[in-house]
C-alpha atoms as a PDB file:
ATOM      1  CA  MET A   1      22.138  36.538 -24.661  1.00  0.00           C
ATOM      2  CA  SER A   2      19.624  34.141 -23.149  1.00  0.00           C
ATOM      3  CA  LYS A   3      16.166  35.331 -22.249  1.00  0.00           C
ATOM      4  CA  LYS A   4      14.729  35.189 -18.758  1.00  0.00           C
ATOM      5  CA  HIS A   5      11.306  33.599 -18.426  1.00  0.00           C
ATOM      6  CA  ARG A   6       9.028  33.928 -15.421  1.00  0.00           C
ATOM      7  CA  VAL A   7       6.474  31.129 -15.164  1.00  0.00           C
ATOM      8  CA  GLN A   8       3.555  30.985 -12.752  1.00  0.00           C
ATOM      9  CA  VAL A   9       3.325  27.454 -11.320  1.00  0.00           C
ATOM     10  CA  ALA A  10      -0.399  26.799 -11.532  1.00  0.00           C
ATOM     11  CA  SER A  11      -0.140  23.026 -11.146  1.00  0.00           C
ATOM     12  CA  ARG A  12      -0.197  21.975  -7.481  1.00  0.00           C
ATOM     13  CA  SER A  13       1.472  18.648  -8.247  1.00  0.00           C
ATOM     14  CA  LEU A  14       4.271  20.374 -10.210  1.00  0.00           C
ATOM     15  CA  ARG A  15       4.816  22.882  -7.408  1.00  0.00           C
ATOM     16  CA  ASP A  16       5.010  20.129  -4.781  1.00  0.00           C
ATOM     17  CA  ARG A  17       7.592  18.299  -6.857  1.00  0.00           C
ATOM     18  CA  LEU A  18       9.793  21.409  -6.963  1.00  0.00           C
ATOM     19  CA  LEU A  19       9.535  22.301  -3.287  1.00  0.00           C
ATOM     20  CA  ALA A  20      10.374  20.528  -0.058  1.00  0.00           C
ATOM     21  CA  PRO A  21       7.224  19.477   1.876  1.00  0.00           C
ATOM     22  CA  ALA A  22       7.946  21.923   4.713  1.00  0.00           C
ATOM     23  CA  ALA A  23       8.322  24.832   2.270  1.00  0.00           C
ATOM     24  CA  ALA A  24       5.095  23.913   0.464  1.00  0.00           C
ATOM     25  CA  GLU A  25       3.253  23.825   3.781  1.00  0.00           C
ATOM     26  CA  LEU A  26       4.520  27.289   4.779  1.00  0.00           C
ATOM     27  CA  ILE A  27       3.557  28.712   1.373  1.00  0.00           C
ATOM     28  CA  ASP A  28       0.049  27.290   1.721  1.00  0.00           C
ATOM     29  CA  ARG A  29      -0.367  28.773   5.199  1.00  0.00           C
ATOM     30  CA  ALA A  30       0.741  32.218   4.014  1.00  0.00           C
ATOM     31  CA  GLY A  31      -1.439  32.062   0.904  1.00  0.00           C
ATOM     32  CA  PHE A  32       1.493  32.783  -1.411  1.00  0.00           C
ATOM     33  CA  GLU A  33       1.809  31.769  -5.043  1.00  0.00           C
ATOM     34  CA  VAL A  34       4.897  30.252  -6.620  1.00  0.00           C
ATOM     35  CA  SER A  35       6.637  31.423  -9.767  1.00  0.00           C
ATOM     36  CA  ILE A  36       9.890  30.281 -11.388  1.00  0.00           C
ATOM     37  CA  GLU A  37      12.431  32.402 -13.240  1.00  0.00           C
ATOM     38  CA  ILE A  38      14.533  30.453 -15.710  1.00  0.00           C
ATOM     39  CA  ALA A  39      17.116  31.659 -18.221  1.00  0.00           C
ATOM     40  CA  GLY A  40      17.200  30.043 -21.653  1.00  0.00           C
ATOM     41  CA  ASP A  41      16.323  30.329 -25.306  1.00  0.00           C
ATOM     42  CA  GLY A  42      13.297  28.060 -25.261  1.00  0.00           C
ATOM     43  CA  ASP A  43       9.791  29.466 -25.368  1.00  0.00           C
ATOM     44  CA  ASP A  44       7.834  26.559 -23.864  1.00  0.00           C
ATOM     45  CA  VAL A  45       9.431  26.831 -20.442  1.00  0.00           C
ATOM     46  CA  GLU A  46       6.838  24.965 -18.428  1.00  0.00           C
ATOM     47  CA  HIS A  47       7.110  22.057 -20.852  1.00  0.00           C
ATOM     48  CA  GLN A  48      10.881  22.130 -20.387  1.00  0.00           C
ATOM     49  CA  ILE A  49      10.446  22.010 -16.609  1.00  0.00           C
ATOM     50  CA  GLU A  50       8.107  19.016 -16.899  1.00  0.00           C
ATOM     51  CA  SER A  51      10.614  17.254 -19.171  1.00  0.00           C
ATOM     52  CA  MET A  52      13.409  17.943 -16.720  1.00  0.00           C
ATOM     53  CA  LEU A  53      11.431  16.508 -13.821  1.00  0.00           C
ATOM     54  CA  GLU A  54      10.514  13.424 -15.810  1.00  0.00           C
ATOM     55  CA  ALA A  55      14.181  12.878 -16.641  1.00  0.00           C
ATOM     56  CA  LEU A  56      15.151  13.204 -12.977  1.00  0.00           C
ATOM     57  CA  ALA A  57      12.265  11.129 -11.620  1.00  0.00           C
ATOM     58  CA  PRO A  58      13.024   7.599 -10.465  1.00  0.00           C
ATOM     59  CA  ALA A  59      12.084   4.746 -12.786  1.00  0.00           C
ATOM     60  CA  PRO A  60       8.932   2.702 -12.080  1.00  0.00           C
ATOM     61  CA  ALA A  61      11.046  -0.003 -10.447  1.00  0.00           C
ATOM     62  CA  ALA A  62      12.479   2.601  -8.063  1.00  0.00           C
ATOM     63  CA  TYR A  63       8.942   3.815  -7.269  1.00  0.00           C
ATOM     64  CA  LEU A  64       7.977   0.276  -6.378  1.00  0.00           C
ATOM     65  CA  ARG A  65      11.017  -0.236  -4.169  1.00  0.00           C
ATOM     66  CA  LEU A  66      10.445   3.087  -2.377  1.00  0.00           C
ATOM     67  CA  GLN A  67       6.830   2.163  -1.695  1.00  0.00           C
ATOM     68  CA  GLN A  68       7.889  -1.308  -0.503  1.00  0.00           C
ATOM     69  CA  LEU A  69      10.294   0.266   1.972  1.00  0.00           C
ATOM     70  CA  ALA A  70       7.564   2.594   3.254  1.00  0.00           C
ATOM     71  CA  ALA A  71       5.221  -0.372   3.712  1.00  0.00           C
ATOM     72  CA  LEU A  72       7.923  -2.380   5.477  1.00  0.00           C
ATOM     73  CA  GLY A  73       8.372   0.493   7.907  1.00  0.00           C
ATOM     74  CA  GLU A  74       4.626   0.407   8.641  1.00  0.00           C
ATOM     75  CA  LEU A  75       4.648  -3.345   9.212  1.00  0.00           C
ATOM     76  CA  GLY A  76       7.952  -3.578  11.059  1.00  0.00           C
ATOM     77  CA  ALA A  77       6.667  -2.320  14.414  1.00  0.00           C
ATOM     78  CA  GLY A  78       3.715  -4.692  14.333  1.00  0.00           C
ATOM     79  CA  VAL A  79       5.867  -7.681  13.392  1.00  0.00           C
ATOM     80  CA  THR A  80       8.349  -6.882  16.154  1.00  0.00           C
ATOM     81  CA  HIS A  81       5.592  -6.626  18.754  1.00  0.00           C
ATOM     82  CA  GLU A  82       3.894  -9.822  17.580  1.00  0.00           C
ATOM     83  CA  THR A  83       7.057 -11.947  17.514  1.00  0.00           C
ATOM     84  CA  ARG A  84       8.128 -10.611  20.908  1.00  0.00           C
ATOM     85  CA  ASN A  85       4.806 -11.724  22.391  1.00  0.00           C
ATOM     86  CA  ILE A  86       5.194 -15.167  20.830  1.00  0.00           C
ATOM     87  CA  LEU A  87       8.763 -15.557  22.106  1.00  0.00           C
ATOM     88  CA  THR A  88       7.622 -14.491  25.593  1.00  0.00           C
ATOM     89  CA  ALA A  89       4.958 -17.215  25.495  1.00  0.00           C
ATOM     90  CA  ILE A  90       7.497 -19.794  24.287  1.00  0.00           C
ATOM     91  CA  THR A  91       9.845 -18.883  27.135  1.00  0.00           C
ATOM     92  CA  GLY A  92       7.019 -19.259  29.651  1.00  0.00           C
ATOM     93  CA  PHE A  93       5.973 -22.658  28.265  1.00  0.00           C
ATOM     94  CA  ALA A  94       9.590 -23.869  28.380  1.00  0.00           C
ATOM     95  CA  GLN A  95       9.989 -22.788  32.011  1.00  0.00           C
ATOM     96  CA  ILE A  96       6.779 -24.559  33.050  1.00  0.00           C
ATOM     97  CA  ALA A  97       7.789 -27.712  31.153  1.00  0.00           C
ATOM     98  CA  ARG A  98      11.134 -27.722  32.953  1.00  0.00           C
ATOM     99  CA  GLN A  99       9.418 -27.321  36.325  1.00  0.00           C
ATOM    100  CA  ARG A 100       7.163 -30.283  35.535  1.00  0.00           C
ATOM    101  CA  GLY A 101       9.890 -32.478  34.179  1.00  0.00           C
ATOM    102  CA  GLY A 102       8.562 -35.466  36.104  1.00  0.00           C
ATOM    103  CA  ASP A 103       5.130 -35.251  34.460  1.00  0.00           C
ATOM    104  CA  ALA A 104       5.578 -36.665  30.947  1.00  0.00           C
ATOM    105  CA  ASP A 105       2.047 -35.770  29.780  1.00  0.00           C
ATOM    106  CA  ALA A 106       2.321 -32.161  30.963  1.00  0.00           C
ATOM    107  CA  SER A 107       5.765 -31.784  29.377  1.00  0.00           C
ATOM    108  CA  ARG A 108       4.419 -33.140  26.085  1.00  0.00           C
ATOM    109  CA  ARG A 109       1.551 -30.645  26.075  1.00  0.00           C
ATOM    110  CA  TYR A 110       3.866 -27.704  26.687  1.00  0.00           C
ATOM    111  CA  LEU A 111       6.294 -28.917  24.031  1.00  0.00           C
ATOM    112  CA  GLU A 112       3.389 -29.017  21.571  1.00  0.00           C
ATOM    113  CA  LEU A 113       2.492 -25.440  22.532  1.00  0.00           C
ATOM    114  CA  ILE A 114       6.100 -24.364  22.047  1.00  0.00           C
ATOM    115  CA  GLU A 115       6.173 -25.995  18.606  1.00  0.00           C
ATOM    116  CA  ARG A 116       2.893 -24.359  17.581  1.00  0.00           C
ATOM    117  CA  GLU A 117       3.982 -20.878  18.677  1.00  0.00           C
ATOM    118  CA  ALA A 118       7.412 -21.237  17.073  1.00  0.00           C
ATOM    119  CA  LEU A 119       5.803 -22.189  13.746  1.00  0.00           C
ATOM    120  CA  ARG A 120       3.476 -19.197  14.017  1.00  0.00           C
ATOM    121  CA  CYS A 121       6.480 -16.939  14.576  1.00  0.00           C
ATOM    122  CA  VAL A 122       8.200 -18.409  11.497  1.00  0.00           C
ATOM    123  CA  GLU A 123       5.047 -17.818   9.416  1.00  0.00           C
ATOM    124  CA  ILE A 124       4.846 -14.159  10.464  1.00  0.00           C
ATOM    125  CA  LEU A 125       8.509 -13.572   9.625  1.00  0.00           C
ATOM    126  CA  GLU A 126       8.224 -15.355   6.271  1.00  0.00           C
ATOM    127  CA  ARG A 127       5.269 -13.196   5.262  1.00  0.00           C
ATOM    128  CA  PHE A 128       7.156 -10.071   6.322  1.00  0.00           C
ATOM    129  CA  LEU A 129      10.234 -11.124   4.335  1.00  0.00           C
ATOM    130  CA  ALA A 130       8.111 -11.846   1.269  1.00  0.00           C
ATOM    131  CA  PHE A 131       7.280  -8.142   1.048  1.00  0.00           C
ATOM    132  CA  SER A 132      10.947  -7.163   1.344  1.00  0.00           C
ATOM    133  CA  ARG A 133      11.973  -8.823  -1.936  1.00  0.00           C
ATOM    134  CA  ALA A 134      12.916  -6.162  -4.443  1.00  0.00           C
ATOM    135  CA  GLU A 135      12.318  -8.118  -7.656  1.00  0.00           C
ATOM    136  CA  PRO A 136       8.702  -8.595  -8.714  1.00  0.00           C
ATOM    137  CA  GLY A 137       9.552 -11.569 -10.933  1.00  0.00           C
ATOM    138  CA  GLU A 138       7.805 -12.609 -14.136  1.00  0.00           C
ATOM    139  CA  THR A 139       4.089 -12.264 -14.743  1.00  0.00           C
ATOM    140  CA  GLU A 140       2.108 -15.346 -13.813  1.00  0.00           C
ATOM    141  CA  LEU A 141      -1.431 -16.518 -13.206  1.00  0.00           C
ATOM    142  CA  VAL A 142      -2.077 -15.266  -9.684  1.00  0.00           C
ATOM    143  CA  ASP A 143      -4.522 -16.621  -7.104  1.00  0.00           C
ATOM    144  CA  VAL A 144      -6.164 -13.378  -5.915  1.00  0.00           C
ATOM    145  CA  ALA A 145      -7.693 -14.948  -2.792  1.00  0.00           C
ATOM    146  CA  ARG A 146      -4.295 -16.170  -1.592  1.00  0.00           C
ATOM    147  CA  VAL A 147      -2.630 -12.784  -2.132  1.00  0.00           C
ATOM    148  CA  ILE A 148      -5.389 -11.067  -0.150  1.00  0.00           C
ATOM    149  CA  GLU A 149      -5.068 -13.611   2.662  1.00  0.00           C
ATOM    150  CA  GLU A 150      -1.308 -13.007   2.896  1.00  0.00           C
ATOM    151  CA  VAL A 151      -1.648  -9.213   2.901  1.00  0.00           C
ATOM    152  CA  VAL A 152      -4.430  -9.208   5.510  1.00  0.00           C
ATOM    153  CA  THR A 153      -2.372 -11.529   7.723  1.00  0.00           C
ATOM    154  CA  ALA A 154       0.586  -9.156   7.420  1.00  0.00           C
ATOM    155  CA  THR A 155      -1.478  -6.122   8.449  1.00  0.00           C
ATOM    156  CA  ARG A 156      -3.907  -7.630  10.966  1.00  0.00           C
ATOM    157  CA  HIS A 157      -1.744  -6.922  14.012  1.00  0.00           C
ATOM    158  CA  SER A 158      -1.126  -3.287  13.009  1.00  0.00           C
ATOM    159  CA  MET A 159      -4.880  -2.901  12.527  1.00  0.00           C
ATOM    160  CA  SER A 160      -5.625  -4.385  15.947  1.00  0.00           C
ATOM    161  CA  MET A 161      -3.080  -2.056  17.564  1.00  0.00           C
ATOM    162  CA  GLN A 162      -5.086   0.850  16.090  1.00  0.00           C
ATOM    163  CA  ARG A 163      -8.351  -0.812  17.255  1.00  0.00           C
ATOM    164  CA  ILE A 164      -9.545  -1.204  13.665  1.00  0.00           C
ATOM    165  CA  ALA A 165     -11.455  -4.342  12.658  1.00  0.00           C
ATOM    166  CA  VAL A 166     -10.368  -5.860   9.331  1.00  0.00           C
ATOM    167  CA  THR A 167     -12.507  -8.465   7.574  1.00  0.00           C
ATOM    168  CA  THR A 168     -12.519 -10.191   4.198  1.00  0.00           C
ATOM    169  CA  GLU A 169     -15.326 -11.257   1.875  1.00  0.00           C
ATOM    170  CA  ILE A 170     -13.838 -13.459  -0.839  1.00  0.00           C
ATOM    171  CA  GLY A 171     -16.005 -14.997  -3.545  1.00  0.00           C
ATOM    172  CA  THR A 172     -15.655 -18.625  -4.587  1.00  0.00           C
ATOM    173  CA  GLU A 173     -13.980 -19.832  -7.779  1.00  0.00           C
ATOM    174  CA  LEU A 174     -12.353 -16.523  -8.602  1.00  0.00           C
ATOM    175  CA  PRO A 175     -10.546 -16.524 -11.952  1.00  0.00           C
ATOM    176  CA  ARG A 176      -6.803 -16.050 -11.775  1.00  0.00           C
ATOM    177  CA  VAL A 177      -5.295 -12.837 -13.122  1.00  0.00           C
ATOM    178  CA  ARG A 178      -2.046 -12.478 -15.044  1.00  0.00           C
ATOM    179  CA  CYS A 179       0.289 -10.020 -13.343  1.00  0.00           C
ATOM    180  CA  HIS A 180       3.392  -9.740 -11.172  1.00  0.00           C
ATOM    181  CA  ARG A 181       2.349 -11.484  -7.962  1.00  0.00           C
ATOM    182  CA  GLY A 182       4.504  -9.258  -5.748  1.00  0.00           C
ATOM    183  CA  GLU A 183       3.176  -6.094  -7.357  1.00  0.00           C
ATOM    184  CA  LEU A 184      -0.455  -7.141  -6.848  1.00  0.00           C
ATOM    185  CA  GLY A 185       0.361  -7.790  -3.195  1.00  0.00           C
ATOM    186  CA  GLN A 186       1.989  -4.354  -3.016  1.00  0.00           C
ATOM    187  CA  VAL A 187      -1.161  -2.675  -4.359  1.00  0.00           C
ATOM    188  CA  ALA A 188      -3.382  -4.504  -1.854  1.00  0.00           C
ATOM    189  CA  LEU A 189      -0.956  -3.729   0.968  1.00  0.00           C
ATOM    190  CA  ASN A 190      -0.815  -0.049   0.080  1.00  0.00           C
ATOM    191  CA  LEU A 191      -4.610   0.234  -0.040  1.00  0.00           C
ATOM    192  CA  LEU A 192      -4.951  -1.464   3.353  1.00  0.00           C
ATOM    193  CA  ILE A 193      -2.331   0.779   4.954  1.00  0.00           C
ATOM    194  CA  ASN A 194      -3.988   3.892   3.482  1.00  0.00           C
ATOM    195  CA  SER A 195      -7.340   2.734   4.879  1.00  0.00           C
ATOM    196  CA  MET A 196      -5.752   2.140   8.277  1.00  0.00           C
ATOM    197  CA  HIS A 197      -4.370   5.690   8.288  1.00  0.00           C
ATOM    198  CA  ALA A 198      -7.748   7.136   7.305  1.00  0.00           C
ATOM    199  CA  THR A 199      -9.846   5.146   9.795  1.00  0.00           C
ATOM    200  CA  PRO A 200     -10.217   6.241  13.432  1.00  0.00           C
ATOM    201  CA  ALA A 201     -10.068   3.802  16.344  1.00  0.00           C
ATOM    202  CA  GLY A 202     -13.208   1.703  16.521  1.00  0.00           C
ATOM    203  CA  GLY A 203     -13.658   1.781  12.753  1.00  0.00           C
ATOM    204  CA  SER A 204     -13.432  -1.022  10.240  1.00  0.00           C
ATOM    205  CA  VAL A 205     -11.821  -1.988   6.949  1.00  0.00           C
ATOM    206  CA  VAL A 206     -13.348  -4.576   4.616  1.00  0.00           C
ATOM    207  CA  ILE A 207     -11.553  -6.099   1.624  1.00  0.00           C
ATOM    208  CA  THR A 208     -13.697  -7.948  -0.897  1.00  0.00           C
ATOM    209  CA  ALA A 209     -13.035  -9.911  -4.070  1.00  0.00           C
ATOM    210  CA  LYS A 210     -15.599 -11.209  -6.541  1.00  0.00           C
ATOM    211  CA  ARG A 211     -16.109 -12.094 -10.183  1.00  0.00           C
ATOM    212  CA  ALA A 212     -16.854  -9.059 -12.341  1.00  0.00           C
ATOM    213  CA  ALA A 213     -16.972  -7.999 -15.961  1.00  0.00           C
ATOM    214  CA  VAL A 214     -13.860  -6.132 -17.074  1.00  0.00           C
ATOM    215  CA  GLY A 215     -14.032  -4.664 -20.563  1.00  0.00           C
ATOM    216  CA  GLY A 216     -16.815  -7.051 -21.452  1.00  0.00           C
ATOM    217  CA  GLU A 217     -14.780 -10.074 -20.362  1.00  0.00           C
ATOM    218  CA  THR A 218     -14.599 -12.102 -17.153  1.00  0.00           C
ATOM    219  CA  GLY A 219     -12.416 -10.597 -14.469  1.00  0.00           C
ATOM    220  CA  VAL A 220     -12.025  -9.916 -10.768  1.00  0.00           C
ATOM    221  CA  GLU A 221     -13.091  -6.920  -8.714  1.00  0.00           C
ATOM    222  CA  ILE A 222     -11.083  -6.232  -5.549  1.00  0.00           C
ATOM    223  CA  ALA A 223     -12.321  -3.483  -3.236  1.00  0.00           C
ATOM    224  CA  VAL A 224     -10.983  -2.011  -0.007  1.00  0.00           C
ATOM    225  CA  ALA A 225     -13.574  -0.033   1.962  1.00  0.00           C
ATOM    226  CA  ASP A 226     -13.045   1.886   5.189  1.00  0.00           C
ATOM    227  CA  THR A 227     -15.096   3.932   7.653  1.00  0.00           C
ATOM    228  CA  GLY A 228     -12.674   6.859   7.609  1.00  0.00           C
ATOM    229  CA  GLU A 229     -13.217  10.547   6.920  1.00  0.00           C
ATOM    230  CA  GLY A 230     -13.706  10.130   3.186  1.00  0.00           C
ATOM    231  CA  ILE A 231     -12.308  12.002   0.192  1.00  0.00           C
ATOM    232  CA  ALA A 232     -13.753  15.116  -1.454  1.00  0.00           C
ATOM    233  CA  PRO A 233     -15.030  14.482  -5.021  1.00  0.00           C
ATOM    234  CA  GLU A 234     -12.634  17.036  -6.533  1.00  0.00           C
ATOM    235  CA  LEU A 235      -9.700  14.960  -5.251  1.00  0.00           C
ATOM    236  CA  HIS A 236     -10.822  11.593  -6.651  1.00  0.00           C
ATOM    237  CA  GLU A 237      -8.456  11.837  -9.616  1.00  0.00           C
ATOM    238  CA  ARG A 238      -5.744  13.960  -8.028  1.00  0.00           C
ATOM    239  CA  ILE A 239      -4.952  11.350  -5.381  1.00  0.00           C
ATOM    240  CA  PHE A 240      -3.666   9.119  -8.205  1.00  0.00           C
ATOM    241  CA  GLU A 241      -1.183  11.777  -9.374  1.00  0.00           C
ATOM    242  CA  ALA A 242       2.483  11.209  -8.586  1.00  0.00           C
ATOM    243  CA  PHE A 243       3.691  13.237  -5.582  1.00  0.00           C
ATOM    244  CA  PHE A 244       0.189  14.328  -4.591  1.00  0.00           C
ATOM    245  CA  THR A 245      -0.770  13.432  -1.029  1.00  0.00           C
ATOM    246  CA  THR A 246      -3.495  14.446   1.384  1.00  0.00           C
ATOM    247  CA  LYS A 247      -1.326  13.496   4.361  1.00  0.00           C
ATOM    248  CA  SER A 248       0.449  16.138   6.419  1.00  0.00           C
ATOM    249  CA  ALA A 249       4.048  17.049   5.667  1.00  0.00           C
ATOM    250  CA  GLY A 250       6.499  14.240   6.324  1.00  0.00           C
ATOM    251  CA  GLN A 251       3.822  11.547   6.527  1.00  0.00           C
ATOM    252  CA  GLY A 252       3.477  10.541   2.889  1.00  0.00           C
ATOM    253  CA  THR A 253       5.473  10.463  -0.342  1.00  0.00           C
ATOM    254  CA  GLY A 254       2.489  10.779  -2.661  1.00  0.00           C
ATOM    255  CA  LEU A 255       3.823   7.802  -4.622  1.00  0.00           C
ATOM    256  CA  GLY A 256       1.526   5.081  -3.291  1.00  0.00           C
ATOM    257  CA  LEU A 257      -1.685   5.508  -5.282  1.00  0.00           C
ATOM    258  CA  ALA A 258       0.131   6.694  -8.416  1.00  0.00           C
ATOM    259  CA  LEU A 259       2.174   3.505  -8.270  1.00  0.00           C
ATOM    260  CA  CYS A 260      -0.971   1.421  -7.656  1.00  0.00           C
ATOM    261  CA  ARG A 261      -2.595   2.827 -10.795  1.00  0.00           C
ATOM    262  CA  ARG A 262       0.569   2.223 -12.815  1.00  0.00           C
ATOM    263  CA  ILE A 263       0.707  -1.432 -11.713  1.00  0.00           C
ATOM    264  CA  VAL A 264      -3.004  -2.077 -12.252  1.00  0.00           C
ATOM    265  CA  THR A 265      -3.003  -0.389 -15.671  1.00  0.00           C
ATOM    266  CA  ALA A 266       0.005  -2.468 -16.736  1.00  0.00           C
ATOM    267  CA  ALA A 267      -2.030  -5.571 -15.880  1.00  0.00           C
ATOM    268  CA  GLY A 268      -4.869  -4.355 -18.111  1.00  0.00           C
ATOM    269  CA  GLY A 269      -7.094  -3.217 -15.264  1.00  0.00           C
ATOM    270  CA  THR A 270      -8.509  -0.084 -13.678  1.00  0.00           C
ATOM    271  CA  ILE A 271      -8.530   1.423 -10.186  1.00  0.00           C
ATOM    272  CA  ASN A 272     -10.823   4.161  -8.895  1.00  0.00           C
ATOM    273  CA  VAL A 273     -12.223   5.520  -5.654  1.00  0.00           C
ATOM    274  CA  GLU A 274     -15.816   5.906  -4.511  1.00  0.00           C
ATOM    275  CA  SER A 275     -16.078   8.339  -1.622  1.00  0.00           C
ATOM    276  CA  SER A 276     -17.521  11.505  -0.172  1.00  0.00           C
ATOM    277  CA  PRO A 277     -16.551  13.446   2.976  1.00  0.00           C
ATOM    278  CA  GLY A 278     -17.734  11.777   6.163  1.00  0.00           C
ATOM    279  CA  SER A 279     -18.751   8.499   4.523  1.00  0.00           C
ATOM    280  CA  GLY A 280     -15.471   6.607   4.239  1.00  0.00           C
ATOM    281  CA  ALA A 281     -13.756   5.544   1.034  1.00  0.00           C
ATOM    282  CA  ARG A 282     -13.958   2.491  -1.204  1.00  0.00           C
ATOM    283  CA  PHE A 283     -11.081   1.803  -3.610  1.00  0.00           C
ATOM    284  CA  VAL A 284     -12.138  -0.498  -6.434  1.00  0.00           C
ATOM    285  CA  MET A 285      -9.668  -2.389  -8.596  1.00  0.00           C
ATOM    286  CA  ARG A 286     -10.805  -4.437 -11.601  1.00  0.00           C
ATOM    287  CA  LEU A 287      -8.454  -6.859 -13.344  1.00  0.00           C
ATOM    288  CA  PRO A 288      -9.127  -9.052 -16.379  1.00  0.00           C
ATOM    289  CA  ALA A 289      -8.885 -12.811 -15.990  1.00  0.00           C
ATOM    290  CA  GLY A 290      -5.586 -14.220 -17.242  1.00  0.00           C
ATOM    291  CA  LEU A 291      -5.356 -16.889 -19.915  1.00  0.00           C
ATOM    292  CA  GLU A 292      -3.203 -19.980 -19.718  1.00  0.00           C
ATOM    293  CA  VAL A 293      -0.065 -19.648 -21.816  1.00  0.00           C
ATOM    294  CA  PRO A 294       0.126 -22.479 -24.409  1.00  0.00           C
END
């Protein structure tokens, strides 16, 4: 006959993985504790539960895809609004050009404006589609400055809609880093979106990149700093745990920062946070410089 084991779930991250977000929120409000009763012959029950969850958890590639879809949802509204404004301008320019059909110079100017706005619309859509590709591709020597430029361009409109100023400070002659280009962009995108969520209207987000020593060798330091509410010191490591989130129920998967650390670690780097309540947060990522493959 199998034994019944009752296990107190002391780990917050384990508990949140076992419960639906709404249930976890109600338990927190009531001040209850969670225990699990499981029937079996094993003695190390909590270890068995952890093993079970690991077996059921999605693979790293699935984590990445889930986070990509969440980011696309964040960007989609901004892209739609931006392209609609551009198409409205193009329509207006076309109508004016038609009304001034007899004025060749005026028509030429408006046709140039139409061409410029149409190309801008194409650029916005291409950048949006770049983030929707599921496959990260092979590792390569990546131009960090270019990745940052693309990610900031993709998020700038969403930031402006929230009345948040976003600026960049990119050093010159940055060494390239060897990684999956799409995954590095995903990390930068996730950090920017997190900063946007944490920063109130009128605040600012700054993303910087500069040469830095990584493990005694040349590398690159990328930092995303915001003027948001900050993060308590006791949470500095927990926010990088899978399924842990400081967002309210239904507003976060808790996968973003865990996935960021997984990607950065795979590239030989580190990622940490510098923050205290009321003073904003600064996420710092350090990656070693890549070497040319013979």
